[in-house]
Amino acid sequence: MIQKILDILKDLWLTWTEWHAIVIGWGDGVAFTMTDWGMIPKLYDDGLEGELHYYKFGIGLGRLTWALIIASLLVRFLE
């Protein structure tokens, strides 16, 4: 039973490529830039183009970062 739970947790652990896709997406989300998808295979030959869903998640985190910064500033200055 414990081994089955450990196997499930091991499958959920992110690889380096997945973390890399999230970080690149976060950077694009914070900077409000668009990634040139034609350049992804040329820049990263470690399979990053297969991790598009992690990239999009990172973009969401980047935009959420801005929303939290703006909300915290509004709360701070409108008190």
C-alpha atoms as a PDB file:
ATOM      1  CA  MET A   1       0.000   0.000   0.000  1.00  0.00           C
ATOM      2  CA  ILE A   2       2.737   2.464   0.936  1.00  0.00           C
ATOM      3  CA  GLN A   3       4.760   1.514  -2.131  1.00  0.00           C
ATOM      4  CA  LYS A   4       1.752   2.206  -4.354  1.00  0.00           C
ATOM      5  CA  ILE A   5       1.394   5.697  -2.837  1.00  0.00           C
ATOM      6  CA  LEU A   6       5.119   6.352  -3.308  1.00  0.00           C
ATOM      7  CA  ASP A   7       4.877   5.286  -6.966  1.00  0.00           C
ATOM      8  CA  ILE A   8       1.984   7.696  -7.526  1.00  0.00           C
ATOM      9  CA  LEU A   9       3.920  10.566  -5.902  1.00  0.00           C
ATOM     10  CA  LYS A  10       6.989   9.732  -7.990  1.00  0.00           C
ATOM     11  CA  ASP A  11       4.905   9.994 -11.174  1.00  0.00           C
ATOM     12  CA  LEU A  12       3.680  13.454 -10.097  1.00  0.00           C
ATOM     13  CA  TRP A  13       7.228  14.773  -9.569  1.00  0.00           C
ATOM     14  CA  LEU A  14       8.203  17.263 -12.282  1.00  0.00           C
ATOM     15  CA  THR A  15      11.247  16.753 -14.487  1.00  0.00           C
ATOM     16  CA  TRP A  16      13.811  19.436 -15.331  1.00  0.00           C
ATOM     17  CA  THR A  17      12.194  20.054 -18.726  1.00  0.00           C
ATOM     18  CA  GLU A  18       8.778  20.562 -17.148  1.00  0.00           C
ATOM     19  CA  TRP A  19      10.149  23.025 -14.580  1.00  0.00           C
ATOM     20  CA  HIS A  20      12.017  24.816 -17.355  1.00  0.00           C
ATOM     21  CA  ALA A  21       8.810  25.193 -19.372  1.00  0.00           C
ATOM     22  CA  ILE A  22       7.006  26.625 -16.313  1.00  0.00           C
ATOM     23  CA  VAL A  23       9.783  29.145 -15.645  1.00  0.00           C
ATOM     24  CA  ILE A  24       9.900  30.281 -19.279  1.00  0.00           C
ATOM     25  CA  GLY A  25       6.105  30.627 -19.259  1.00  0.00           C
ATOM     26  CA  TRP A  26       6.223  32.592 -15.999  1.00  0.00           C
ATOM     27  CA  GLY A  27       8.752  34.984 -17.500  1.00  0.00           C
ATOM     28  CA  ASP A  28       6.607  35.502 -20.590  1.00  0.00           C
ATOM     29  CA  GLY A  29       3.524  35.980 -18.410  1.00  0.00           C
ATOM     30  CA  VAL A  30       5.178  38.620 -16.232  1.00  0.00           C
ATOM     31  CA  ALA A  31       6.666  40.413 -19.238  1.00  0.00           C
ATOM     32  CA  PHE A  32       3.452  40.127 -21.325  1.00  0.00           C
ATOM     33  CA  THR A  33       5.436  38.840 -24.303  1.00  0.00           C
ATOM     34  CA  MET A  34       4.604  36.305 -26.966  1.00  0.00           C
ATOM     35  CA  THR A  35       6.916  33.381 -27.572  1.00  0.00           C
ATOM     36  CA  ASP A  36       7.935  32.624 -31.145  1.00  0.00           C
ATOM     37  CA  TRP A  37       6.916  28.953 -31.318  1.00  0.00           C
ATOM     38  CA  GLY A  38       8.992  28.410 -34.451  1.00  0.00           C
ATOM     39  CA  MET A  39      12.141  29.153 -32.447  1.00  0.00           C
ATOM     40  CA  ILE A  40      11.427  26.723 -29.585  1.00  0.00           C
ATOM     41  CA  PRO A  41      12.828  23.630 -31.348  1.00  0.00           C
ATOM     42  CA  LYS A  42      15.897  25.608 -32.457  1.00  0.00           C
ATOM     43  CA  LEU A  43      16.621  27.007 -28.999  1.00  0.00           C
ATOM     44  CA  TYR A  44      15.832  23.953 -26.880  1.00  0.00           C
ATOM     45  CA  ASP A  45      16.629  20.502 -28.142  1.00  0.00           C
ATOM     46  CA  ASP A  46      15.671  18.819 -24.868  1.00  0.00           C
ATOM     47  CA  GLY A  47      12.005  18.302 -25.744  1.00  0.00           C
ATOM     48  CA  LEU A  48      10.626  21.590 -24.431  1.00  0.00           C
ATOM     49  CA  GLU A  49       8.135  21.850 -27.276  1.00  0.00           C
ATOM     50  CA  GLY A  50       6.347  18.785 -25.859  1.00  0.00           C
ATOM     51  CA  GLU A  51       5.694  20.618 -22.593  1.00  0.00           C
ATOM     52  CA  LEU A  52       3.318  23.284 -23.899  1.00  0.00           C
ATOM     53  CA  HIS A  53       0.778  22.753 -21.115  1.00  0.00           C
ATOM     54  CA  TYR A  54       3.453  23.508 -18.493  1.00  0.00           C
ATOM     55  CA  TYR A  55       4.410  26.637 -20.419  1.00  0.00           C
ATOM     56  CA  LYS A  56       0.799  27.819 -20.478  1.00  0.00           C
ATOM     57  CA  PHE A  57       0.511  27.124 -16.746  1.00  0.00           C
ATOM     58  CA  GLY A  58       3.612  29.280 -16.241  1.00  0.00           C
ATOM     59  CA  ILE A  59       2.026  32.103 -18.248  1.00  0.00           C
ATOM     60  CA  GLY A  60      -0.984  31.921 -15.960  1.00  0.00           C
ATOM     61  CA  LEU A  61       1.278  32.124 -12.908  1.00  0.00           C
ATOM     62  CA  GLY A  62       3.062  35.141 -14.397  1.00  0.00           C
ATOM     63  CA  ARG A  63      -0.190  36.990 -15.012  1.00  0.00           C
ATOM     64  CA  LEU A  64      -1.395  36.020 -11.533  1.00  0.00           C
ATOM     65  CA  THR A  65       1.816  37.492 -10.136  1.00  0.00           C
ATOM     66  CA  TRP A  66       0.909  40.862 -11.630  1.00  0.00           C
ATOM     67  CA  ALA A  67      -2.656  40.603 -10.335  1.00  0.00           C
ATOM     68  CA  LEU A  68      -1.370  39.915  -6.807  1.00  0.00           C
ATOM     69  CA  ILE A  69       1.125  42.785  -6.982  1.00  0.00           C
ATOM     70  CA  ILE A  70      -1.548  45.231  -8.134  1.00  0.00           C
ATOM     71  CA  ALA A  71      -4.045  43.986  -5.550  1.00  0.00           C
ATOM     72  CA  SER A  72      -1.521  44.295  -2.732  1.00  0.00           C
ATOM     73  CA  LEU A  73      -0.620  47.837  -3.816  1.00  0.00           C
ATOM     74  CA  LEU A  74      -4.296  48.813  -3.963  1.00  0.00           C
ATOM     75  CA  VAL A  75      -4.894  47.427  -0.493  1.00  0.00           C
ATOM     76  CA  ARG A  76      -1.814  49.205   0.821  1.00  0.00           C
ATOM     77  CA  PHE A  77      -2.557  52.620  -0.709  1.00  0.00           C
ATOM     78  CA  LEU A  78      -6.357  52.660  -0.267  1.00  0.00           C
ATOM     79  CA  GLU A  79      -6.290  51.989   3.465  1.00  0.00           C
END
